[in-house]
Amino acid sequence: TKSAGIEGTAILATDREHALKQVINTQTLQAAKNFYKQISVVKDALTAYRTGGVHAMHDPTEGGVAGGIHEIADASNLGFKIFEEKIPVSKETLEICKFFKINPLYLIASGSMLIATKQKSAEEIVKVLKENEIQANIIGEMLLTPEKRIIKRKDGSEEELARPVCDHLWLALEKT
């Protein structure tokens, strides 16, 4: 749900506002600081659960969306294939990550919700989330082979999705 790097965007916009003012307009920076208002996942979780067909839910914190996907796969002894183009990343997050030269998929993502569902329930859950004004996308599928942990890039290439060594928030904070 929502987008990648929500909490990290809010932290960096607030904590490194002075540096970011040099490259990001005031309106975008203020919008990024307001990402703190998106950090609750209670509505996301209750809406998905009540719709039915949910196997697991995870609020990806440290390690971001990439770390959260690995954690779900670890807990279920499954692999995955995700599609980079399907993972929403806000323009605010993109601009901040570009400035700090970090990957938004590895940025602390409290406020996002990863939801593993029965295949036949996925589209209905996304529809109901959107009806409740919660952005949601189907970003991939779980695979029976635990060793397969693939990301299909926007250019069509496929590679293993690296497990985060550290949250990219810390990489950004080290730079200033």
N, C-alpha and C. Protein backbone atom coordinates (compact mmCIF):
# COMPACT_ATOMS: atom_id res chain seq x y z
N THR A 1 0.84 -1.19 0.00
CA THR A 1 0.00 0.00 0.00
C THR A 1 0.88 1.25 0.00
N LYS A 2 0.27 2.35 -0.35
CA LYS A 2 0.90 3.67 -0.38
C LYS A 2 2.13 3.65 -1.27
N SER A 3 3.32 3.89 -0.72
CA SER A 3 4.52 3.92 -1.56
C SER A 3 5.75 3.54 -0.75
N ALA A 4 6.85 3.34 -1.44
CA ALA A 4 8.11 2.95 -0.80
C ALA A 4 8.73 4.13 -0.05
N GLY A 5 9.42 3.83 1.03
CA GLY A 5 10.24 4.83 1.72
C GLY A 5 9.50 5.94 2.44
N ILE A 6 8.28 5.69 2.88
CA ILE A 6 7.47 6.75 3.49
C ILE A 6 8.17 7.37 4.70
N GLU A 7 8.50 6.55 5.69
CA GLU A 7 9.09 7.12 6.90
C GLU A 7 10.46 7.72 6.63
N GLY A 8 11.26 7.07 5.81
CA GLY A 8 12.58 7.60 5.48
C GLY A 8 12.50 8.95 4.79
N THR A 9 11.51 9.11 3.94
CA THR A 9 11.31 10.40 3.26
C THR A 9 10.99 11.48 4.29
N ALA A 10 10.09 11.19 5.22
CA ALA A 10 9.73 12.16 6.26
C ALA A 10 10.93 12.51 7.14
N ILE A 11 11.69 11.50 7.52
CA ILE A 11 12.86 11.74 8.39
C ILE A 11 13.88 12.61 7.68
N LEU A 12 14.23 12.26 6.46
CA LEU A 12 15.25 13.02 5.73
C LEU A 12 14.77 14.43 5.42
N ALA A 13 13.50 14.59 5.06
CA ALA A 13 12.97 15.92 4.76
C ALA A 13 13.01 16.82 5.99
N THR A 14 12.80 16.24 7.14
CA THR A 14 12.80 17.00 8.39
C THR A 14 14.21 17.21 8.92
N ASP A 15 14.97 16.13 8.97
CA ASP A 15 16.30 16.16 9.57
C ASP A 15 17.35 16.85 8.70
N ARG A 16 17.20 16.77 7.41
CA ARG A 16 18.18 17.34 6.47
C ARG A 16 17.54 18.42 5.59
N GLU A 17 16.56 19.11 6.18
CA GLU A 17 15.83 20.14 5.44
C GLU A 17 16.76 21.21 4.87
N HIS A 18 17.73 21.66 5.65
CA HIS A 18 18.63 22.72 5.19
C HIS A 18 19.36 22.32 3.91
N ALA A 19 19.90 21.13 3.87
CA ALA A 19 20.62 20.66 2.68
C ALA A 19 19.67 20.46 1.50
N LEU A 20 18.49 19.92 1.77
CA LEU A 20 17.54 19.63 0.71
C LEU A 20 16.93 20.90 0.11
N LYS A 21 16.85 21.98 0.88
CA LYS A 21 16.31 23.25 0.38
C LYS A 21 17.09 23.76 -0.83
N GLN A 22 18.33 23.35 -0.93
CA GLN A 22 19.17 23.79 -2.03
C GLN A 22 18.77 23.16 -3.37
N VAL A 23 18.10 22.00 -3.33
CA VAL A 23 17.81 21.27 -4.56
C VAL A 23 16.34 20.88 -4.75
N ILE A 24 15.53 21.04 -3.72
CA ILE A 24 14.12 20.65 -3.79
C ILE A 24 13.27 21.87 -3.44
N ASN A 25 12.23 22.10 -4.23
CA ASN A 25 11.39 23.27 -3.96
C ASN A 25 10.66 23.13 -2.63
N THR A 26 10.26 24.26 -2.09
CA THR A 26 9.64 24.32 -0.77
C THR A 26 8.38 23.48 -0.67
N GLN A 27 7.56 23.51 -1.71
CA GLN A 27 6.30 22.77 -1.71
C GLN A 27 6.56 21.25 -1.63
N THR A 28 7.50 20.76 -2.42
CA THR A 28 7.83 19.33 -2.42
C THR A 28 8.43 18.93 -1.08
N LEU A 29 9.28 19.77 -0.54
CA LEU A 29 9.91 19.48 0.75
C LEU A 29 8.88 19.43 1.87
N GLN A 30 7.93 20.36 1.86
CA GLN A 30 6.87 20.35 2.87
C GLN A 30 5.99 19.11 2.74
N ALA A 31 5.68 18.74 1.50
CA ALA A 31 4.88 17.53 1.28
C ALA A 31 5.62 16.31 1.83
N ALA A 32 6.94 16.24 1.62
CA ALA A 32 7.74 15.13 2.13
C ALA A 32 7.74 15.11 3.65
N LYS A 33 7.83 16.26 4.28
CA LYS A 33 7.79 16.32 5.75
C LYS A 33 6.44 15.82 6.27
N ASN A 34 5.39 16.04 5.50
CA ASN A 34 4.05 15.61 5.90
C ASN A 34 3.83 14.11 5.75
N PHE A 35 4.81 13.38 5.22
CA PHE A 35 4.68 11.92 5.11
C PHE A 35 4.51 11.27 6.47
N TYR A 36 4.90 11.95 7.55
CA TYR A 36 4.68 11.39 8.89
C TYR A 36 3.21 11.05 9.11
N LYS A 37 2.31 11.80 8.46
CA LYS A 37 0.87 11.57 8.63
C LYS A 37 0.41 10.27 7.99
N GLN A 38 1.26 9.64 7.17
CA GLN A 38 0.90 8.40 6.47
C GLN A 38 1.42 7.14 7.16
N ILE A 39 2.08 7.28 8.29
CA ILE A 39 2.80 6.15 8.88
C ILE A 39 1.90 5.08 9.49
N SER A 40 0.71 5.39 9.87
CA SER A 40 -0.17 4.35 10.41
C SER A 40 -0.62 3.40 9.29
N VAL A 41 -0.62 2.11 9.60
CA VAL A 41 -1.10 1.10 8.65
C VAL A 41 -2.36 0.41 9.15
N VAL A 42 -2.96 0.93 10.19
CA VAL A 42 -4.13 0.30 10.79
C VAL A 42 -5.27 0.21 9.77
N LYS A 43 -5.57 1.32 9.08
CA LYS A 43 -6.66 1.30 8.10
C LYS A 43 -6.34 0.34 6.96
N ASP A 44 -5.09 0.34 6.50
CA ASP A 44 -4.67 -0.57 5.43
C ASP A 44 -4.93 -2.02 5.85
N ALA A 45 -4.44 -2.36 7.04
CA ALA A 45 -4.53 -3.74 7.53
C ALA A 45 -5.98 -4.18 7.73
N LEU A 46 -6.77 -3.36 8.40
CA LEU A 46 -8.17 -3.72 8.66
C LEU A 46 -8.96 -3.85 7.37
N THR A 47 -8.72 -2.94 6.43
CA THR A 47 -9.43 -2.98 5.16
C THR A 47 -9.10 -4.25 4.40
N ALA A 48 -7.81 -4.58 4.32
CA ALA A 48 -7.39 -5.80 3.59
C ALA A 48 -7.95 -7.04 4.28
N TYR A 49 -7.80 -7.11 5.59
CA TYR A 49 -8.27 -8.29 6.35
C TYR A 49 -9.77 -8.50 6.17
N ARG A 50 -10.53 -7.43 6.28
CA ARG A 50 -11.99 -7.54 6.17
C ARG A 50 -12.43 -7.94 4.76
N THR A 51 -11.61 -7.64 3.77
CA THR A 51 -11.94 -8.01 2.39
C THR A 51 -11.80 -9.51 2.20
N GLY A 52 -10.84 -10.12 2.89
CA GLY A 52 -10.67 -11.57 2.85
C GLY A 52 -9.55 -12.02 1.93
N GLY A 53 -9.04 -13.22 2.22
CA GLY A 53 -8.01 -13.81 1.38
C GLY A 53 -6.59 -13.46 1.74
N VAL A 54 -6.39 -12.80 2.89
CA VAL A 54 -5.05 -12.39 3.30
C VAL A 54 -4.33 -13.56 3.98
N HIS A 55 -3.09 -13.80 3.55
CA HIS A 55 -2.24 -14.81 4.20
C HIS A 55 -1.31 -14.17 5.23
N ALA A 56 -0.78 -12.99 4.88
CA ALA A 56 0.18 -12.32 5.77
C ALA A 56 0.21 -10.84 5.44
N MET A 57 0.57 -10.04 6.45
CA MET A 57 0.77 -8.61 6.27
C MET A 57 2.03 -8.20 7.00
N HIS A 58 2.71 -7.20 6.44
CA HIS A 58 3.97 -6.75 7.03
C HIS A 58 4.15 -5.26 6.75
N ASP A 59 4.41 -4.52 7.81
CA ASP A 59 4.74 -3.09 7.72
C ASP A 59 6.26 -3.03 7.58
N PRO A 60 6.78 -2.82 6.37
CA PRO A 60 8.23 -2.89 6.19
C PRO A 60 8.94 -1.68 6.79
N THR A 61 9.64 -1.91 7.84
CA THR A 61 10.36 -0.83 8.50
C THR A 61 11.80 -0.81 8.00
N GLU A 62 12.75 -1.07 8.88
CA GLU A 62 14.16 -0.99 8.49
C GLU A 62 14.46 -1.96 7.34
N GLY A 63 15.15 -1.45 6.35
CA GLY A 63 15.43 -2.23 5.14
C GLY A 63 14.42 -1.99 4.05
N GLY A 64 13.37 -1.24 4.36
CA GLY A 64 12.40 -0.82 3.36
C GLY A 64 11.59 -1.94 2.76
N VAL A 65 11.02 -1.65 1.61
CA VAL A 65 10.18 -2.61 0.90
C VAL A 65 11.00 -3.85 0.55
N ALA A 66 12.24 -3.66 0.11
CA ALA A 66 13.08 -4.81 -0.25
C ALA A 66 13.29 -5.72 0.96
N GLY A 67 13.60 -5.14 2.10
CA GLY A 67 13.79 -5.94 3.31
C GLY A 67 12.51 -6.63 3.74
N GLY A 68 11.39 -5.93 3.64
CA GLY A 68 10.10 -6.51 4.02
C GLY A 68 9.70 -7.68 3.15
N ILE A 69 9.96 -7.58 1.86
CA ILE A 69 9.65 -8.69 0.96
C ILE A 69 10.49 -9.91 1.32
N HIS A 70 11.77 -9.70 1.60
CA HIS A 70 12.62 -10.82 2.03
C HIS A 70 12.10 -11.43 3.33
N GLU A 71 11.66 -10.61 4.26
CA GLU A 71 11.17 -11.13 5.54
C GLU A 71 9.91 -11.97 5.37
N ILE A 72 9.00 -11.54 4.51
CA ILE A 72 7.80 -12.34 4.24
C ILE A 72 8.20 -13.68 3.61
N ALA A 73 9.12 -13.62 2.64
CA ALA A 73 9.57 -14.85 1.98
C ALA A 73 10.26 -15.78 2.98
N ASP A 74 11.09 -15.22 3.87
CA ASP A 74 11.76 -16.04 4.90
C ASP A 74 10.73 -16.74 5.78
N ALA A 75 9.74 -15.98 6.25
CA ALA A 75 8.75 -16.51 7.19
C ALA A 75 7.88 -17.59 6.56
N SER A 76 7.69 -17.52 5.25
CA SER A 76 6.82 -18.48 4.58
C SER A 76 7.58 -19.55 3.81
N ASN A 77 8.91 -19.47 3.85
CA ASN A 77 9.77 -20.40 3.11
C ASN A 77 9.41 -20.41 1.62
N LEU A 78 9.28 -19.21 1.06
CA LEU A 78 8.96 -19.04 -0.36
C LEU A 78 9.97 -18.10 -1.01
N GLY A 79 9.94 -18.07 -2.32
CA GLY A 79 10.69 -17.09 -3.08
C GLY A 79 9.71 -16.04 -3.58
N PHE A 80 10.18 -15.16 -4.47
CA PHE A 80 9.30 -14.13 -5.03
C PHE A 80 9.85 -13.61 -6.34
N LYS A 81 8.94 -13.01 -7.08
CA LYS A 81 9.28 -12.23 -8.26
C LYS A 81 8.47 -10.95 -8.16
N ILE A 82 9.17 -9.84 -8.08
CA ILE A 82 8.48 -8.55 -7.99
C ILE A 82 8.82 -7.72 -9.23
N PHE A 83 7.97 -6.77 -9.51
CA PHE A 83 8.09 -5.95 -10.70
C PHE A 83 8.36 -4.50 -10.28
N GLU A 84 9.56 -4.04 -10.56
CA GLU A 84 9.98 -2.69 -10.15
C GLU A 84 8.98 -1.63 -10.57
N GLU A 85 8.46 -1.73 -11.79
CA GLU A 85 7.55 -0.70 -12.29
C GLU A 85 6.21 -0.66 -11.55
N LYS A 86 5.89 -1.72 -10.81
CA LYS A 86 4.62 -1.79 -10.08
C LYS A 86 4.74 -1.23 -8.66
N ILE A 87 5.97 -1.00 -8.20
CA ILE A 87 6.18 -0.50 -6.83
C ILE A 87 6.08 1.02 -6.85
N PRO A 88 5.06 1.58 -6.21
CA PRO A 88 4.92 3.03 -6.22
C PRO A 88 6.01 3.71 -5.39
N VAL A 89 6.57 4.75 -5.97
CA VAL A 89 7.55 5.59 -5.27
C VAL A 89 7.13 7.03 -5.56
N SER A 90 6.87 7.79 -4.52
CA SER A 90 6.41 9.16 -4.70
C SER A 90 7.51 10.04 -5.29
N LYS A 91 7.10 11.13 -5.92
CA LYS A 91 8.09 12.06 -6.49
C LYS A 91 8.96 12.65 -5.39
N GLU A 92 8.37 12.88 -4.21
CA GLU A 92 9.15 13.42 -3.09
C GLU A 92 10.27 12.45 -2.69
N THR A 93 9.91 11.18 -2.59
CA THR A 93 10.90 10.16 -2.24
C THR A 93 11.97 10.05 -3.32
N LEU A 94 11.55 10.06 -4.57
CA LEU A 94 12.51 9.98 -5.67
C LEU A 94 13.51 11.13 -5.64
N GLU A 95 13.02 12.34 -5.42
CA GLU A 95 13.92 13.51 -5.39
C GLU A 95 14.90 13.44 -4.22
N ILE A 96 14.40 13.06 -3.06
CA ILE A 96 15.28 12.96 -1.89
C ILE A 96 16.29 11.84 -2.07
N CYS A 97 15.86 10.71 -2.58
CA CYS A 97 16.79 9.59 -2.80
C CYS A 97 17.82 9.94 -3.86
N LYS A 98 17.42 10.66 -4.88
CA LYS A 98 18.38 11.09 -5.91
C LYS A 98 19.44 11.99 -5.29
N PHE A 99 19.03 12.92 -4.45
CA PHE A 99 19.98 13.83 -3.80
C PHE A 99 20.99 13.07 -2.96
N PHE A 100 20.51 12.10 -2.19
CA PHE A 100 21.40 11.35 -1.29
C PHE A 100 22.03 10.12 -1.95
N LYS A 101 21.65 9.87 -3.22
CA LYS A 101 22.18 8.71 -3.97
C LYS A 101 21.91 7.40 -3.23
N ILE A 102 20.63 7.22 -2.88
CA ILE A 102 20.19 5.99 -2.21
C ILE A 102 19.01 5.40 -2.97
N ASN A 103 18.73 4.13 -2.69
CA ASN A 103 17.66 3.40 -3.37
C ASN A 103 16.39 3.45 -2.51
N PRO A 104 15.28 3.96 -3.07
CA PRO A 104 14.04 4.07 -2.28
C PRO A 104 13.49 2.72 -1.82
N LEU A 105 13.84 1.63 -2.49
CA LEU A 105 13.34 0.32 -2.08
C LEU A 105 14.03 -0.18 -0.81
N TYR A 106 15.14 0.46 -0.42
CA TYR A 106 15.89 0.07 0.77
C TYR A 106 15.78 1.12 1.87
N LEU A 107 14.85 2.05 1.72
CA LEU A 107 14.65 3.15 2.68
C LEU A 107 13.50 2.80 3.61
N ILE A 108 13.68 3.01 4.91
CA ILE A 108 12.67 2.66 5.91
C ILE A 108 11.28 3.07 5.41
N ALA A 109 10.36 2.11 5.46
CA ALA A 109 9.07 2.27 4.77
C ALA A 109 7.86 2.13 5.69
N SER A 110 8.02 2.45 6.99
CA SER A 110 6.84 2.42 7.86
C SER A 110 5.75 3.26 7.21
N GLY A 111 4.55 2.73 7.22
CA GLY A 111 3.43 3.39 6.56
C GLY A 111 2.99 2.64 5.32
N SER A 112 3.90 1.88 4.74
CA SER A 112 3.55 0.98 3.65
C SER A 112 3.07 -0.32 4.27
N MET A 113 2.33 -1.09 3.53
CA MET A 113 1.90 -2.40 4.01
C MET A 113 2.08 -3.39 2.88
N LEU A 114 2.88 -4.42 3.13
CA LEU A 114 3.00 -5.54 2.20
C LEU A 114 1.95 -6.56 2.59
N ILE A 115 1.17 -7.00 1.63
CA ILE A 115 0.07 -7.92 1.91
C ILE A 115 0.23 -9.13 0.99
N ALA A 116 0.37 -10.30 1.57
CA ALA A 116 0.41 -11.54 0.81
C ALA A 116 -0.99 -12.13 0.84
N THR A 117 -1.53 -12.43 -0.34
CA THR A 117 -2.91 -12.88 -0.45
C THR A 117 -3.04 -14.13 -1.29
N LYS A 118 -4.21 -14.71 -1.21
CA LYS A 118 -4.56 -15.73 -2.20
C LYS A 118 -4.60 -15.02 -3.54
N GLN A 119 -4.12 -15.68 -4.57
CA GLN A 119 -4.07 -15.05 -5.89
C GLN A 119 -5.44 -14.52 -6.33
N LYS A 120 -6.50 -15.32 -6.07
CA LYS A 120 -7.83 -14.93 -6.52
C LYS A 120 -8.38 -13.74 -5.73
N SER A 121 -7.77 -13.39 -4.60
CA SER A 121 -8.25 -12.28 -3.77
C SER A 121 -7.50 -10.97 -4.02
N ALA A 122 -6.36 -11.03 -4.66
CA ALA A 122 -5.48 -9.86 -4.76
C ALA A 122 -6.16 -8.65 -5.41
N GLU A 123 -6.78 -8.85 -6.55
CA GLU A 123 -7.40 -7.71 -7.24
C GLU A 123 -8.55 -7.11 -6.44
N GLU A 124 -9.32 -7.94 -5.78
CA GLU A 124 -10.43 -7.44 -4.95
C GLU A 124 -9.90 -6.61 -3.78
N ILE A 125 -8.83 -7.08 -3.15
CA ILE A 125 -8.23 -6.34 -2.04
C ILE A 125 -7.73 -4.98 -2.51
N VAL A 126 -7.05 -4.95 -3.65
CA VAL A 126 -6.56 -3.68 -4.20
C VAL A 126 -7.73 -2.75 -4.50
N LYS A 127 -8.79 -3.29 -5.09
CA LYS A 127 -9.98 -2.48 -5.41
C LYS A 127 -10.58 -1.87 -4.15
N VAL A 128 -10.75 -2.67 -3.11
CA VAL A 128 -11.36 -2.19 -1.87
C VAL A 128 -10.43 -1.17 -1.18
N LEU A 129 -9.13 -1.42 -1.19
CA LEU A 129 -8.20 -0.44 -0.61
C LEU A 129 -8.34 0.90 -1.32
N LYS A 130 -8.37 0.88 -2.65
CA LYS A 130 -8.50 2.12 -3.42
C LYS A 130 -9.83 2.81 -3.15
N GLU A 131 -10.90 2.02 -3.00
CA GLU A 131 -12.21 2.60 -2.65
C GLU A 131 -12.15 3.31 -1.30
N ASN A 132 -11.23 2.88 -0.45
CA ASN A 132 -11.04 3.48 0.87
C ASN A 132 -9.89 4.48 0.87
N GLU A 133 -9.54 4.97 -0.32
CA GLU A 133 -8.53 6.01 -0.51
C GLU A 133 -7.15 5.60 -0.02
N ILE A 134 -6.82 4.33 -0.21
CA ILE A 134 -5.49 3.82 0.11
C ILE A 134 -4.88 3.33 -1.19
N GLN A 135 -3.81 3.98 -1.62
CA GLN A 135 -3.13 3.55 -2.84
C GLN A 135 -2.62 2.13 -2.65
N ALA A 136 -2.83 1.29 -3.66
CA ALA A 136 -2.38 -0.10 -3.56
C ALA A 136 -2.11 -0.64 -4.96
N ASN A 137 -1.12 -1.51 -5.05
CA ASN A 137 -0.75 -2.16 -6.31
C ASN A 137 -0.39 -3.61 -6.04
N ILE A 138 -0.60 -4.44 -7.02
CA ILE A 138 -0.05 -5.80 -6.99
C ILE A 138 1.36 -5.67 -7.54
N ILE A 139 2.35 -5.99 -6.72
CA ILE A 139 3.74 -5.75 -7.13
C ILE A 139 4.51 -7.02 -7.49
N GLY A 140 3.88 -8.18 -7.34
CA GLY A 140 4.60 -9.40 -7.67
C GLY A 140 3.86 -10.63 -7.21
N GLU A 141 4.62 -11.72 -7.14
CA GLU A 141 4.04 -13.00 -6.76
C GLU A 141 5.05 -13.78 -5.94
N MET A 142 4.53 -14.62 -5.08
CA MET A 142 5.38 -15.52 -4.29
C MET A 142 5.64 -16.75 -5.13
N LEU A 143 6.84 -17.32 -4.99
CA LEU A 143 7.25 -18.49 -5.75
C LEU A 143 7.52 -19.65 -4.81
N LEU A 144 7.28 -20.86 -5.27
CA LEU A 144 7.49 -22.04 -4.43
C LEU A 144 8.96 -22.33 -4.17
N THR A 145 9.85 -21.79 -4.98
CA THR A 145 11.29 -22.01 -4.83
C THR A 145 11.88 -20.92 -3.94
N PRO A 146 12.21 -21.24 -2.69
CA PRO A 146 12.69 -20.22 -1.75
C PRO A 146 13.95 -19.48 -2.20
N GLU A 147 14.77 -20.13 -3.03
CA GLU A 147 16.02 -19.51 -3.46
C GLU A 147 15.80 -18.44 -4.54
N LYS A 148 14.65 -18.48 -5.20
CA LYS A 148 14.37 -17.50 -6.26
C LYS A 148 13.80 -16.24 -5.63
N ARG A 149 14.57 -15.18 -5.71
CA ARG A 149 14.14 -13.89 -5.15
C ARG A 149 14.50 -12.83 -6.19
N ILE A 150 13.60 -12.64 -7.12
CA ILE A 150 13.85 -11.92 -8.35
C ILE A 150 13.13 -10.57 -8.37
N ILE A 151 13.81 -9.57 -8.94
CA ILE A 151 13.17 -8.31 -9.28
C ILE A 151 13.29 -8.13 -10.78
N LYS A 152 12.17 -7.87 -11.42
CA LYS A 152 12.16 -7.56 -12.84
C LYS A 152 12.24 -6.05 -12.96
N ARG A 153 13.33 -5.58 -13.53
CA ARG A 153 13.59 -4.14 -13.65
C ARG A 153 12.69 -3.50 -14.72
N LYS A 154 12.60 -2.20 -14.68
CA LYS A 154 11.77 -1.46 -15.64
C LYS A 154 12.22 -1.70 -17.08
N ASP A 155 13.51 -1.98 -17.27
CA ASP A 155 14.03 -2.22 -18.61
C ASP A 155 13.81 -3.66 -19.09
N GLY A 156 13.15 -4.49 -18.26
CA GLY A 156 12.86 -5.86 -18.63
C GLY A 156 13.87 -6.88 -18.13
N SER A 157 15.02 -6.42 -17.67
CA SER A 157 16.02 -7.36 -17.15
C SER A 157 15.59 -7.89 -15.79
N GLU A 158 16.10 -9.07 -15.45
CA GLU A 158 15.80 -9.68 -14.16
C GLU A 158 17.09 -9.93 -13.40
N GLU A 159 17.03 -9.74 -12.10
CA GLU A 159 18.18 -10.01 -11.26
C GLU A 159 17.70 -10.38 -9.86
N GLU A 160 18.60 -10.91 -9.08
CA GLU A 160 18.26 -11.23 -7.70
C GLU A 160 18.08 -9.91 -6.94
N LEU A 161 17.03 -9.84 -6.12
CA LEU A 161 16.84 -8.67 -5.26
C LEU A 161 17.74 -8.85 -4.05
N ALA A 162 18.73 -8.01 -3.95
CA ALA A 162 19.67 -8.10 -2.84
C ALA A 162 18.97 -7.85 -1.52
N ARG A 163 19.36 -8.63 -0.53
CA ARG A 163 18.86 -8.44 0.83
C ARG A 163 19.57 -7.20 1.39
N PRO A 164 18.85 -6.27 2.01
CA PRO A 164 19.51 -5.08 2.54
C PRO A 164 20.54 -5.41 3.61
N VAL A 165 21.70 -4.79 3.48
CA VAL A 165 22.74 -4.92 4.50
C VAL A 165 22.46 -3.91 5.61
N CYS A 166 22.02 -2.72 5.19
CA CYS A 166 21.60 -1.68 6.14
C CYS A 166 20.52 -0.85 5.48
N ASP A 167 19.78 -0.17 6.28
CA ASP A 167 18.76 0.73 5.76
C ASP A 167 19.45 1.91 5.10
N HIS A 168 18.95 2.32 3.95
CA HIS A 168 19.58 3.43 3.23
C HIS A 168 19.40 4.77 3.92
N LEU A 169 18.52 4.84 4.92
CA LEU A 169 18.42 6.04 5.74
C LEU A 169 19.78 6.35 6.35
N TRP A 170 20.45 5.32 6.86
CA TRP A 170 21.74 5.52 7.53
C TRP A 170 22.80 5.97 6.53
N LEU A 171 22.73 5.46 5.28
CA LEU A 171 23.68 5.91 4.26
C LEU A 171 23.49 7.39 3.97
N ALA A 172 22.24 7.81 3.91
CA ALA A 172 21.94 9.22 3.64
C ALA A 172 22.39 10.10 4.81
N LEU A 173 22.12 9.68 6.03
CA LEU A 173 22.48 10.49 7.20
C LEU A 173 23.99 10.60 7.34
N GLU A 174 24.73 9.60 6.90
CA GLU A 174 26.20 9.65 6.95
C GLU A 174 26.78 10.68 5.98
N LYS A 175 26.05 11.02 4.95
CA LYS A 175 26.56 11.89 3.88
C LYS A 175 26.56 13.36 4.23
N THR A 176 25.82 13.75 5.27
CA THR A 176 25.75 15.19 5.57
C THR A 176 26.20 15.46 6.99
